[in-house]
Amino acid sequence: MADSLNKNQLSQIIAKVNHEFGVQLHTDQFTSTNYSMSSIREILAQRIAETQNDEWTIDKSFVLLQKNIASIKGIAENSITQDSELETLLPRGERKSTLKKLEANTGLKLEILKPNSVMYGILIFLFFACIPFGIGMDWFLSGMVMAVTALLIFILGKTGNELKYKTLGQWAERVTWDNYLKSKKDRLTLDDSQIAAKLEKMI
């Protein structure tokens, strides 16, 4: 990798650091247009040390989502509140692409989508209805239907585009809880020299 980093290289490094250290650094925290490899290591080491013991709160999650949604959509941050409707902020047609950008910007896995509830419920009912049918009638036919139904349930789960939450505030609460638990599980307790050594190996 070149000694002078461009924006794309910086984004890749930050994403890797977020994953390896269990922190949430963001590209907009790095405002210089020309970082050297040595300077970015020093800055990253400082930011990692500062955030290692940081606690997740609802306010922190809300501000993180608010700031990045506003940036992606090109709207004012103060126009987004905890009561803002997610259907408005994340229109169906651009929902998945916006979430992909949010995940890239925040370093978080934002599992907010679910399958269509009616279709999902019908498939679940059909799957379990095949059990008594198989016992009383035909196990082979029942097994075939169950296999196809299970596949459809899996596909529906992966391609779902419905929102799990109604408002940004509700989503922020979920993000807070998920990342609080993750931070407790994954939190590193490295001193400055250990952070520097690990960064040296990584980048």
N, C-alpha and C. Protein backbone atom coordinates (compact mmCIF):
# COMPACT_ATOMS: atom_id res chain seq x y z
N MET A 1 0.85 -1.20 0.00
CA MET A 1 0.00 0.00 0.00
C MET A 1 0.88 1.24 0.00
N ALA A 2 0.53 2.24 -0.76
CA ALA A 2 1.33 3.45 -0.86
C ALA A 2 1.40 4.13 0.49
N ASP A 3 2.53 4.93 0.68
CA ASP A 3 2.73 5.59 1.95
C ASP A 3 1.71 6.71 2.17
N SER A 4 1.30 7.38 1.10
CA SER A 4 0.29 8.42 1.18
C SER A 4 -1.07 7.81 0.85
N LEU A 5 -2.02 8.00 1.76
CA LEU A 5 -3.30 7.31 1.64
C LEU A 5 -4.36 8.19 0.98
N ASN A 6 -5.10 7.60 0.04
CA ASN A 6 -6.24 8.31 -0.52
C ASN A 6 -7.48 7.98 0.30
N LYS A 7 -8.60 8.59 -0.04
CA LYS A 7 -9.83 8.46 0.75
C LYS A 7 -10.32 7.01 0.78
N ASN A 8 -10.23 6.32 -0.33
CA ASN A 8 -10.70 4.94 -0.39
C ASN A 8 -9.85 4.02 0.49
N GLN A 9 -8.54 4.21 0.45
CA GLN A 9 -7.64 3.41 1.28
C GLN A 9 -7.88 3.69 2.76
N LEU A 10 -8.11 4.95 3.09
CA LEU A 10 -8.39 5.32 4.48
C LEU A 10 -9.67 4.65 4.96
N SER A 11 -10.71 4.63 4.13
CA SER A 11 -11.98 3.99 4.49
C SER A 11 -11.79 2.51 4.75
N GLN A 12 -10.98 1.85 3.94
CA GLN A 12 -10.71 0.42 4.11
C GLN A 12 -9.97 0.16 5.41
N ILE A 13 -9.01 1.02 5.72
CA ILE A 13 -8.24 0.86 6.97
C ILE A 13 -9.14 1.05 8.18
N ILE A 14 -9.99 2.06 8.14
CA ILE A 14 -10.88 2.33 9.27
C ILE A 14 -11.85 1.17 9.49
N ALA A 15 -12.38 0.62 8.39
CA ALA A 15 -13.29 -0.52 8.50
C ALA A 15 -12.58 -1.71 9.14
N LYS A 16 -11.33 -1.93 8.76
CA LYS A 16 -10.55 -3.04 9.32
C LYS A 16 -10.26 -2.82 10.80
N VAL A 17 -9.92 -1.58 11.15
CA VAL A 17 -9.65 -1.24 12.55
C VAL A 17 -10.90 -1.42 13.40
N ASN A 18 -12.05 -0.97 12.89
CA ASN A 18 -13.31 -1.15 13.62
C ASN A 18 -13.57 -2.61 13.92
N HIS A 19 -13.31 -3.46 12.93
CA HIS A 19 -13.55 -4.89 13.09
C HIS A 19 -12.57 -5.51 14.08
N GLU A 20 -11.29 -5.20 13.94
CA GLU A 20 -10.26 -5.84 14.75
C GLU A 20 -10.27 -5.38 16.20
N PHE A 21 -10.59 -4.08 16.43
CA PHE A 21 -10.52 -3.54 17.79
C PHE A 21 -11.90 -3.41 18.45
N GLY A 22 -12.96 -3.69 17.70
CA GLY A 22 -14.30 -3.57 18.27
C GLY A 22 -14.68 -2.14 18.60
N VAL A 23 -14.21 -1.19 17.77
CA VAL A 23 -14.55 0.23 17.98
C VAL A 23 -15.39 0.71 16.80
N GLN A 24 -15.86 1.95 16.88
CA GLN A 24 -16.68 2.53 15.82
C GLN A 24 -16.10 3.88 15.41
N LEU A 25 -15.02 3.84 14.65
CA LEU A 25 -14.44 5.06 14.10
C LEU A 25 -15.10 5.34 12.75
N HIS A 26 -15.15 6.62 12.35
CA HIS A 26 -15.85 6.99 11.13
C HIS A 26 -14.95 7.86 10.26
N THR A 27 -15.11 7.72 8.98
CA THR A 27 -14.25 8.42 8.03
C THR A 27 -14.32 9.93 8.19
N ASP A 28 -15.50 10.45 8.60
CA ASP A 28 -15.63 11.91 8.70
C ASP A 28 -14.89 12.48 9.91
N GLN A 29 -14.31 11.60 10.74
CA GLN A 29 -13.48 12.06 11.85
C GLN A 29 -12.05 12.36 11.38
N PHE A 30 -11.76 11.99 10.14
CA PHE A 30 -10.41 12.16 9.60
C PHE A 30 -10.50 13.15 8.44
N THR A 31 -10.19 14.41 8.74
CA THR A 31 -10.49 15.49 7.80
C THR A 31 -9.35 15.88 6.87
N SER A 32 -8.14 15.42 7.17
CA SER A 32 -7.01 15.77 6.32
C SER A 32 -7.16 15.12 4.94
N THR A 33 -6.61 15.75 3.95
CA THR A 33 -6.67 15.20 2.58
C THR A 33 -5.41 14.42 2.23
N ASN A 34 -4.46 14.35 3.16
CA ASN A 34 -3.21 13.66 2.85
C ASN A 34 -2.59 13.09 4.12
N TYR A 35 -2.93 11.84 4.42
CA TYR A 35 -2.35 11.16 5.57
C TYR A 35 -1.21 10.26 5.12
N SER A 36 -0.11 10.30 5.86
CA SER A 36 0.94 9.31 5.64
C SER A 36 0.62 8.07 6.47
N MET A 37 1.28 6.97 6.17
CA MET A 37 1.01 5.74 6.91
C MET A 37 1.35 5.90 8.39
N SER A 38 2.48 6.57 8.67
CA SER A 38 2.90 6.74 10.07
C SER A 38 1.94 7.66 10.82
N SER A 39 1.49 8.72 10.17
CA SER A 39 0.58 9.65 10.86
C SER A 39 -0.77 9.01 11.14
N ILE A 40 -1.27 8.22 10.20
CA ILE A 40 -2.58 7.60 10.42
C ILE A 40 -2.51 6.56 11.52
N ARG A 41 -1.38 5.88 11.66
CA ARG A 41 -1.21 4.92 12.76
C ARG A 41 -1.27 5.64 14.10
N GLU A 42 -0.60 6.78 14.20
CA GLU A 42 -0.60 7.54 15.45
C GLU A 42 -2.00 8.03 15.80
N ILE A 43 -2.70 8.55 14.80
CA ILE A 43 -4.06 9.07 15.04
C ILE A 43 -5.00 7.94 15.42
N LEU A 44 -4.91 6.81 14.71
CA LEU A 44 -5.77 5.67 15.01
C LEU A 44 -5.51 5.14 16.41
N ALA A 45 -4.23 5.06 16.80
CA ALA A 45 -3.89 4.57 18.13
C ALA A 45 -4.52 5.45 19.20
N GLN A 46 -4.49 6.77 18.99
CA GLN A 46 -5.09 7.70 19.95
C GLN A 46 -6.60 7.53 20.01
N ARG A 47 -7.24 7.42 18.84
CA ARG A 47 -8.70 7.28 18.80
C ARG A 47 -9.14 5.95 19.42
N ILE A 48 -8.39 4.89 19.16
CA ILE A 48 -8.73 3.59 19.73
C ILE A 48 -8.64 3.63 21.25
N ALA A 49 -7.56 4.22 21.75
CA ALA A 49 -7.38 4.33 23.21
C ALA A 49 -8.51 5.11 23.85
N GLU A 50 -8.96 6.16 23.15
CA GLU A 50 -10.03 7.00 23.69
C GLU A 50 -11.38 6.28 23.72
N THR A 51 -11.60 5.41 22.76
CA THR A 51 -12.92 4.78 22.64
C THR A 51 -13.00 3.40 23.28
N GLN A 52 -11.86 2.86 23.72
CA GLN A 52 -11.89 1.50 24.29
C GLN A 52 -12.87 1.35 25.44
N ASN A 53 -12.92 2.36 26.30
CA ASN A 53 -13.77 2.28 27.49
C ASN A 53 -15.05 3.09 27.36
N ASP A 54 -15.36 3.51 26.14
CA ASP A 54 -16.57 4.30 25.91
C ASP A 54 -17.80 3.41 26.01
N GLU A 55 -18.85 3.90 26.66
CA GLU A 55 -20.08 3.14 26.84
C GLU A 55 -21.09 3.50 25.76
N TRP A 56 -21.89 2.53 25.33
CA TRP A 56 -22.96 2.78 24.37
C TRP A 56 -24.18 3.31 25.10
N THR A 57 -24.74 4.40 24.60
CA THR A 57 -25.97 4.97 25.13
C THR A 57 -26.94 5.20 23.98
N ILE A 58 -28.20 5.42 24.30
CA ILE A 58 -29.20 5.68 23.26
C ILE A 58 -28.86 6.98 22.53
N ASP A 59 -28.40 7.99 23.28
CA ASP A 59 -28.03 9.26 22.64
C ASP A 59 -26.89 9.06 21.65
N LYS A 60 -25.92 8.26 22.04
CA LYS A 60 -24.78 8.00 21.15
C LYS A 60 -25.24 7.31 19.88
N SER A 61 -26.10 6.31 20.03
CA SER A 61 -26.61 5.59 18.86
C SER A 61 -27.45 6.50 17.97
N PHE A 62 -28.30 7.31 18.61
CA PHE A 62 -29.15 8.22 17.84
C PHE A 62 -28.31 9.22 17.03
N VAL A 63 -27.34 9.85 17.68
CA VAL A 63 -26.50 10.84 17.00
C VAL A 63 -25.73 10.19 15.85
N LEU A 64 -25.25 8.97 16.08
CA LEU A 64 -24.52 8.24 15.04
C LEU A 64 -25.41 8.00 13.82
N LEU A 65 -26.63 7.53 14.05
CA LEU A 65 -27.56 7.28 12.95
C LEU A 65 -28.01 8.59 12.31
N GLN A 66 -28.34 9.57 13.14
CA GLN A 66 -28.80 10.87 12.65
C GLN A 66 -27.77 11.50 11.72
N LYS A 67 -26.54 11.54 12.18
CA LYS A 67 -25.47 12.19 11.43
C LYS A 67 -25.23 11.51 10.08
N ASN A 68 -25.20 10.20 10.09
CA ASN A 68 -24.90 9.47 8.86
C ASN A 68 -26.07 9.44 7.89
N ILE A 69 -27.29 9.36 8.40
CA ILE A 69 -28.46 9.42 7.52
C ILE A 69 -28.53 10.79 6.85
N ALA A 70 -28.30 11.84 7.64
CA ALA A 70 -28.32 13.20 7.10
C ALA A 70 -27.26 13.37 6.02
N SER A 71 -26.08 12.81 6.25
CA SER A 71 -24.99 12.92 5.27
C SER A 71 -25.33 12.19 3.98
N ILE A 72 -25.87 10.99 4.09
CA ILE A 72 -26.19 10.18 2.91
C ILE A 72 -27.33 10.81 2.10
N LYS A 73 -28.32 11.33 2.81
CA LYS A 73 -29.49 11.88 2.13
C LYS A 73 -29.33 13.36 1.75
N GLY A 74 -28.28 14.00 2.29
CA GLY A 74 -28.05 15.40 1.98
C GLY A 74 -29.07 16.33 2.60
N ILE A 75 -29.45 16.04 3.85
CA ILE A 75 -30.42 16.87 4.56
C ILE A 75 -29.82 17.36 5.88
N ALA A 76 -30.46 18.32 6.51
CA ALA A 76 -29.95 18.88 7.76
C ALA A 76 -30.12 17.88 8.90
N GLU A 77 -29.10 17.78 9.75
CA GLU A 77 -29.17 16.85 10.88
C GLU A 77 -30.33 17.19 11.81
N ASN A 78 -30.57 18.49 12.03
CA ASN A 78 -31.63 18.88 12.97
C ASN A 78 -33.04 18.61 12.45
N SER A 79 -33.13 18.18 11.19
CA SER A 79 -34.44 17.80 10.66
C SER A 79 -34.80 16.36 11.02
N ILE A 80 -33.85 15.66 11.60
CA ILE A 80 -34.05 14.25 11.98
C ILE A 80 -34.12 14.17 13.49
N THR A 81 -35.23 13.66 14.01
CA THR A 81 -35.42 13.52 15.45
C THR A 81 -35.65 12.06 15.80
N GLN A 82 -35.75 11.78 17.09
CA GLN A 82 -36.01 10.40 17.52
C GLN A 82 -37.40 9.93 17.09
N ASP A 83 -38.29 10.87 16.82
CA ASP A 83 -39.63 10.51 16.37
C ASP A 83 -39.76 10.42 14.85
N SER A 84 -38.68 10.67 14.14
CA SER A 84 -38.72 10.60 12.67
C SER A 84 -39.10 9.19 12.21
N GLU A 85 -40.02 9.13 11.26
CA GLU A 85 -40.49 7.84 10.75
C GLU A 85 -39.44 7.21 9.84
N LEU A 86 -39.12 5.95 10.10
CA LEU A 86 -38.13 5.26 9.28
C LEU A 86 -38.62 5.04 7.85
N GLU A 87 -39.92 4.93 7.66
CA GLU A 87 -40.47 4.78 6.31
C GLU A 87 -40.13 6.00 5.46
N THR A 88 -40.05 7.16 6.10
CA THR A 88 -39.69 8.39 5.39
C THR A 88 -38.19 8.50 5.18
N LEU A 89 -37.42 8.17 6.21
CA LEU A 89 -35.96 8.26 6.12
C LEU A 89 -35.38 7.19 5.20
N LEU A 90 -36.03 6.03 5.18
CA LEU A 90 -35.53 4.90 4.38
C LEU A 90 -36.62 4.43 3.42
N PRO A 91 -36.87 5.18 2.35
CA PRO A 91 -37.91 4.78 1.38
C PRO A 91 -37.62 3.39 0.82
N ARG A 92 -38.69 2.65 0.55
CA ARG A 92 -38.56 1.25 0.13
C ARG A 92 -37.60 1.06 -1.06
N GLY A 93 -37.70 1.94 -2.05
CA GLY A 93 -36.91 1.76 -3.26
C GLY A 93 -35.41 1.90 -3.07
N GLU A 94 -35.00 2.68 -2.06
CA GLU A 94 -33.58 2.90 -1.83
C GLU A 94 -33.13 2.40 -0.46
N ARG A 95 -33.98 1.60 0.16
CA ARG A 95 -33.74 1.16 1.54
C ARG A 95 -32.46 0.35 1.70
N LYS A 96 -32.31 -0.66 0.87
CA LYS A 96 -31.14 -1.54 1.03
C LYS A 96 -29.85 -0.83 0.67
N SER A 97 -29.86 0.00 -0.33
CA SER A 97 -28.64 0.72 -0.71
C SER A 97 -28.25 1.72 0.38
N THR A 98 -29.25 2.37 0.98
CA THR A 98 -28.96 3.32 2.06
C THR A 98 -28.40 2.60 3.28
N LEU A 99 -28.97 1.45 3.62
CA LEU A 99 -28.48 0.68 4.76
C LEU A 99 -27.06 0.19 4.54
N LYS A 100 -26.76 -0.17 3.29
CA LYS A 100 -25.40 -0.61 2.96
C LYS A 100 -24.40 0.52 3.20
N LYS A 101 -24.77 1.73 2.80
CA LYS A 101 -23.91 2.89 3.02
C LYS A 101 -23.78 3.19 4.51
N LEU A 102 -24.88 3.07 5.25
CA LEU A 102 -24.84 3.31 6.69
C LEU A 102 -23.91 2.32 7.39
N GLU A 103 -23.99 1.07 7.00
CA GLU A 103 -23.12 0.06 7.60
C GLU A 103 -21.66 0.35 7.29
N ALA A 104 -21.38 0.78 6.07
CA ALA A 104 -20.00 1.11 5.69
C ALA A 104 -19.49 2.31 6.48
N ASN A 105 -20.35 3.31 6.67
CA ASN A 105 -19.95 4.53 7.37
C ASN A 105 -19.80 4.35 8.87
N THR A 106 -20.64 3.51 9.46
CA THR A 106 -20.65 3.37 10.91
C THR A 106 -19.83 2.18 11.41
N GLY A 107 -19.57 1.22 10.53
CA GLY A 107 -18.88 0.01 10.95
C GLY A 107 -19.76 -0.94 11.74
N LEU A 108 -21.08 -0.71 11.69
CA LEU A 108 -22.03 -1.54 12.43
C LEU A 108 -22.81 -2.45 11.49
N LYS A 109 -23.28 -3.57 12.04
CA LYS A 109 -24.19 -4.44 11.32
C LYS A 109 -25.60 -4.03 11.72
N LEU A 110 -26.32 -3.38 10.79
CA LEU A 110 -27.62 -2.80 11.10
C LEU A 110 -28.74 -3.71 10.61
N GLU A 111 -29.11 -4.67 11.44
CA GLU A 111 -30.13 -5.66 11.06
C GLU A 111 -31.51 -5.10 11.38
N ILE A 112 -32.05 -4.37 10.42
CA ILE A 112 -33.31 -3.67 10.64
C ILE A 112 -34.43 -4.18 9.74
N LEU A 113 -34.09 -5.02 8.76
CA LEU A 113 -35.08 -5.49 7.80
C LEU A 113 -35.64 -6.85 8.18
N LYS A 114 -36.90 -7.07 7.82
CA LYS A 114 -37.55 -8.35 8.07
C LYS A 114 -38.41 -8.70 6.86
N PRO A 115 -38.80 -9.97 6.71
CA PRO A 115 -39.66 -10.35 5.58
C PRO A 115 -41.09 -9.89 5.79
N ASN A 116 -41.88 -9.96 4.72
CA ASN A 116 -43.30 -9.65 4.79
C ASN A 116 -43.97 -10.55 5.83
N SER A 117 -44.61 -9.95 6.82
CA SER A 117 -45.16 -10.71 7.95
C SER A 117 -46.23 -11.71 7.52
N VAL A 118 -47.12 -11.32 6.60
CA VAL A 118 -48.21 -12.19 6.18
C VAL A 118 -47.67 -13.41 5.46
N MET A 119 -46.79 -13.19 4.48
CA MET A 119 -46.22 -14.29 3.72
C MET A 119 -45.38 -15.20 4.61
N TYR A 120 -44.61 -14.58 5.50
CA TYR A 120 -43.76 -15.36 6.41
C TYR A 120 -44.62 -16.23 7.32
N GLY A 121 -45.72 -15.65 7.82
CA GLY A 121 -46.61 -16.40 8.70
C GLY A 121 -47.26 -17.58 7.99
N ILE A 122 -47.67 -17.38 6.72
CA ILE A 122 -48.28 -18.46 5.94
C ILE A 122 -47.30 -19.61 5.75
N LEU A 123 -46.07 -19.29 5.44
CA LEU A 123 -45.05 -20.32 5.21
C LEU A 123 -44.73 -21.09 6.50
N ILE A 124 -44.65 -20.37 7.60
CA ILE A 124 -44.40 -21.03 8.89
C ILE A 124 -45.56 -21.98 9.22
N PHE A 125 -46.79 -21.51 9.01
CA PHE A 125 -47.96 -22.35 9.27
C PHE A 125 -47.93 -23.60 8.39
N LEU A 126 -47.62 -23.41 7.10
CA LEU A 126 -47.58 -24.53 6.17
C LEU A 126 -46.52 -25.55 6.58
N PHE A 127 -45.37 -25.05 7.02
CA PHE A 127 -44.28 -25.94 7.42
C PHE A 127 -44.72 -26.86 8.57
N PHE A 128 -45.31 -26.27 9.61
CA PHE A 128 -45.70 -27.08 10.76
C PHE A 128 -46.96 -27.90 10.49
N ALA A 129 -47.80 -27.44 9.56
CA ALA A 129 -49.00 -28.21 9.21
C ALA A 129 -48.62 -29.51 8.51
N CYS A 130 -47.45 -29.54 7.90
CA CYS A 130 -47.00 -30.75 7.20
C CYS A 130 -46.66 -31.89 8.15
N ILE A 131 -46.38 -31.57 9.41
CA ILE A 131 -45.98 -32.60 10.37
C ILE A 131 -47.12 -33.58 10.65
N PRO A 132 -48.30 -33.10 11.07
CA PRO A 132 -49.40 -34.07 11.29
C PRO A 132 -49.84 -34.73 9.99
N PHE A 133 -49.74 -34.00 8.86
CA PHE A 133 -50.09 -34.61 7.57
C PHE A 133 -49.17 -35.78 7.27
N GLY A 134 -47.88 -35.60 7.54
CA GLY A 134 -46.92 -36.66 7.30
C GLY A 134 -47.15 -37.86 8.18
N ILE A 135 -47.52 -37.61 9.45
CA ILE A 135 -47.76 -38.72 10.38
C ILE A 135 -48.98 -39.54 9.95
N GLY A 136 -50.02 -38.83 9.51
CA GLY A 136 -51.27 -39.53 9.19
C GLY A 136 -51.40 -39.96 7.75
N MET A 137 -50.65 -39.35 6.83
CA MET A 137 -50.88 -39.62 5.42
C MET A 137 -49.62 -40.08 4.68
N ASP A 138 -48.75 -39.16 4.34
CA ASP A 138 -47.63 -39.48 3.46
C ASP A 138 -46.40 -38.69 3.90
N TRP A 139 -45.42 -39.39 4.49
CA TRP A 139 -44.21 -38.74 4.97
C TRP A 139 -43.37 -38.18 3.82
N PHE A 140 -43.33 -38.89 2.70
CA PHE A 140 -42.51 -38.45 1.58
C PHE A 140 -43.02 -37.11 1.02
N LEU A 141 -44.33 -37.07 0.74
CA LEU A 141 -44.91 -35.84 0.21
C LEU A 141 -44.79 -34.70 1.22
N SER A 142 -45.04 -35.03 2.47
CA SER A 142 -44.93 -34.03 3.52
C SER A 142 -43.51 -33.49 3.63
N GLY A 143 -42.54 -34.41 3.53
CA GLY A 143 -41.13 -34.03 3.63
C GLY A 143 -40.72 -33.12 2.48
N MET A 144 -41.23 -33.41 1.28
CA MET A 144 -40.92 -32.59 0.11
C MET A 144 -41.47 -31.17 0.29
N VAL A 145 -42.71 -31.10 0.75
CA VAL A 145 -43.34 -29.78 0.95
C VAL A 145 -42.60 -29.00 2.04
N MET A 146 -42.20 -29.70 3.12
CA MET A 146 -41.48 -29.05 4.20
C MET A 146 -40.14 -28.51 3.73
N ALA A 147 -39.46 -29.27 2.87
CA ALA A 147 -38.15 -28.85 2.36
C ALA A 147 -38.29 -27.59 1.49
N VAL A 148 -39.30 -27.60 0.62
CA VAL A 148 -39.53 -26.43 -0.24
C VAL A 148 -39.94 -25.23 0.60
N THR A 149 -40.80 -25.46 1.57
CA THR A 149 -41.25 -24.37 2.44
C THR A 149 -40.10 -23.78 3.24
N ALA A 150 -39.23 -24.66 3.76
CA ALA A 150 -38.07 -24.20 4.51
C ALA A 150 -37.16 -23.34 3.64
N LEU A 151 -36.99 -23.75 2.38
CA LEU A 151 -36.17 -22.97 1.45
C LEU A 151 -36.78 -21.60 1.20
N LEU A 152 -38.10 -21.57 1.02
CA LEU A 152 -38.79 -20.29 0.79
C LEU A 152 -38.69 -19.38 2.01
N ILE A 153 -38.79 -19.98 3.19
CA ILE A 153 -38.65 -19.20 4.43
C ILE A 153 -37.26 -18.58 4.51
N PHE A 154 -36.24 -19.37 4.15
CA PHE A 154 -34.86 -18.89 4.18
C PHE A 154 -34.67 -17.73 3.19
N ILE A 155 -35.17 -17.92 1.96
CA ILE A 155 -35.03 -16.89 0.93
C ILE A 155 -35.77 -15.62 1.33
N LEU A 156 -36.97 -15.79 1.88
CA LEU A 156 -37.77 -14.64 2.30
C LEU A 156 -37.06 -13.88 3.41
N GLY A 157 -36.43 -14.62 4.32
CA GLY A 157 -35.70 -13.98 5.40
C GLY A 157 -34.51 -13.17 4.91
N LYS A 158 -33.85 -13.67 3.86
CA LYS A 158 -32.67 -12.99 3.32
C LYS A 158 -33.03 -11.79 2.44
N THR A 159 -34.20 -11.82 1.85
CA THR A 159 -34.58 -10.76 0.90
C THR A 159 -35.62 -9.81 1.46
N GLY A 160 -35.96 -9.94 2.73
CA GLY A 160 -36.98 -9.08 3.34
C GLY A 160 -36.64 -7.61 3.23
N ASN A 161 -37.65 -6.79 3.04
CA ASN A 161 -37.43 -5.34 2.88
C ASN A 161 -38.38 -4.53 3.77
N GLU A 162 -39.01 -5.21 4.74
CA GLU A 162 -39.89 -4.51 5.68
C GLU A 162 -39.06 -4.05 6.88
N LEU A 163 -39.46 -2.94 7.49
CA LEU A 163 -38.74 -2.39 8.63
C LEU A 163 -39.21 -3.01 9.95
N LYS A 164 -38.27 -3.32 10.82
CA LYS A 164 -38.61 -3.89 12.13
C LYS A 164 -39.13 -2.82 13.10
N TYR A 165 -38.72 -1.57 12.89
CA TYR A 165 -39.06 -0.51 13.82
C TYR A 165 -39.73 0.65 13.10
N LYS A 166 -40.49 1.43 13.84
CA LYS A 166 -41.26 2.53 13.25
C LYS A 166 -40.49 3.85 13.24
N THR A 167 -39.80 4.15 14.33
CA THR A 167 -39.12 5.44 14.44
C THR A 167 -37.61 5.27 14.60
N LEU A 168 -36.90 6.36 14.39
CA LEU A 168 -35.44 6.33 14.55
C LEU A 168 -35.06 6.10 16.00
N GLY A 169 -35.87 6.62 16.92
CA GLY A 169 -35.61 6.42 18.34
C GLY A 169 -35.67 4.94 18.72
N GLN A 170 -36.66 4.23 18.19
CA GLN A 170 -36.77 2.79 18.47
C GLN A 170 -35.57 2.03 17.91
N TRP A 171 -35.15 2.44 16.72
CA TRP A 171 -33.99 1.80 16.10
C TRP A 171 -32.73 2.08 16.93
N ALA A 172 -32.59 3.32 17.41
CA ALA A 172 -31.42 3.68 18.22
C ALA A 172 -31.35 2.84 19.50
N GLU A 173 -32.50 2.56 20.10
CA GLU A 173 -32.55 1.71 21.29
C GLU A 173 -32.01 0.31 20.99
N ARG A 174 -32.41 -0.23 19.83
CA ARG A 174 -31.95 -1.57 19.44
C ARG A 174 -30.45 -1.58 19.18
N VAL A 175 -29.97 -0.55 18.47
CA VAL A 175 -28.54 -0.44 18.18
C VAL A 175 -27.74 -0.33 19.48
N THR A 176 -28.28 0.44 20.43
CA THR A 176 -27.60 0.61 21.73
C THR A 176 -27.47 -0.73 22.45
N TRP A 177 -28.55 -1.47 22.52
CA TRP A 177 -28.54 -2.73 23.23
C TRP A 177 -27.60 -3.74 22.56
N ASP A 178 -27.68 -3.85 21.23
CA ASP A 178 -26.83 -4.80 20.51
C ASP A 178 -25.35 -4.49 20.72
N ASN A 179 -24.99 -3.22 20.64
CA ASN A 179 -23.59 -2.85 20.72
C ASN A 179 -23.08 -2.77 22.14
N TYR A 180 -23.98 -2.54 23.10
CA TYR A 180 -23.58 -2.61 24.50
C TYR A 180 -23.15 -4.03 24.85
N LEU A 181 -23.96 -4.99 24.43
CA LEU A 181 -23.62 -6.39 24.69
C LEU A 181 -22.34 -6.79 23.96
N LYS A 182 -22.21 -6.36 22.71
CA LYS A 182 -21.03 -6.70 21.93
C LYS A 182 -19.78 -6.07 22.53
N SER A 183 -19.89 -4.83 22.99
CA SER A 183 -18.72 -4.16 23.56
C SER A 183 -18.27 -4.84 24.84
N LYS A 184 -19.24 -5.34 25.63
CA LYS A 184 -18.89 -6.05 26.85
C LYS A 184 -18.19 -7.36 26.54
N LYS A 185 -18.62 -7.99 25.45
CA LYS A 185 -18.04 -9.28 25.08
C LYS A 185 -16.68 -9.13 24.40
N ASP A 186 -16.58 -8.15 23.50
CA ASP A 186 -15.39 -8.03 22.65
C ASP A 186 -14.39 -6.99 23.10
N ARG A 187 -14.72 -6.21 24.13
CA ARG A 187 -13.87 -5.09 24.50
C ARG A 187 -12.43 -5.52 24.76
N LEU A 188 -11.52 -4.81 24.16
CA LEU A 188 -10.10 -5.04 24.35
C LEU A 188 -9.60 -4.15 25.48
N THR A 189 -8.63 -4.64 26.23
CA THR A 189 -8.01 -3.82 27.27
C THR A 189 -6.52 -3.75 26.96
N LEU A 190 -6.20 -3.11 25.85
CA LEU A 190 -4.82 -3.00 25.41
C LEU A 190 -4.25 -1.66 25.87
N ASP A 191 -2.97 -1.68 26.24
CA ASP A 191 -2.32 -0.42 26.55
C ASP A 191 -1.81 0.21 25.25
N ASP A 192 -1.25 1.40 25.36
CA ASP A 192 -0.85 2.16 24.17
C ASP A 192 0.15 1.40 23.31
N SER A 193 1.10 0.74 23.94
CA SER A 193 2.13 0.03 23.18
C SER A 193 1.55 -1.18 22.45
N GLN A 194 0.58 -1.84 23.07
CA GLN A 194 -0.05 -2.99 22.44
C GLN A 194 -0.90 -2.56 21.25
N ILE A 195 -1.61 -1.44 21.41
CA ILE A 195 -2.40 -0.89 20.30
C ILE A 195 -1.49 -0.55 19.13
N ALA A 196 -0.38 0.14 19.43
CA ALA A 196 0.56 0.54 18.38
C ALA A 196 1.15 -0.67 17.66
N ALA A 197 1.47 -1.71 18.44
CA ALA A 197 2.07 -2.92 17.86
C ALA A 197 1.07 -3.64 16.95
N LYS A 198 -0.18 -3.68 17.38
CA LYS A 198 -1.20 -4.36 16.58
C LYS A 198 -1.48 -3.57 15.30
N LEU A 199 -1.52 -2.27 15.39
CA LEU A 199 -1.72 -1.45 14.20
C LEU A 199 -0.57 -1.61 13.22
N GLU A 200 0.65 -1.71 13.75
CA GLU A 200 1.84 -1.88 12.90
C GLU A 200 1.73 -3.16 12.06
N LYS A 201 1.20 -4.22 12.69
CA LYS A 201 1.03 -5.49 11.98
C LYS A 201 -0.10 -5.41 10.95
N MET A 202 -1.15 -4.68 11.31
CA MET A 202 -2.33 -4.60 10.45
C MET A 202 -2.11 -3.74 9.22
N ILE A 203 -1.49 -2.57 9.42
CA ILE A 203 -1.36 -1.61 8.32
C ILE A 203 0.08 -1.09 8.21
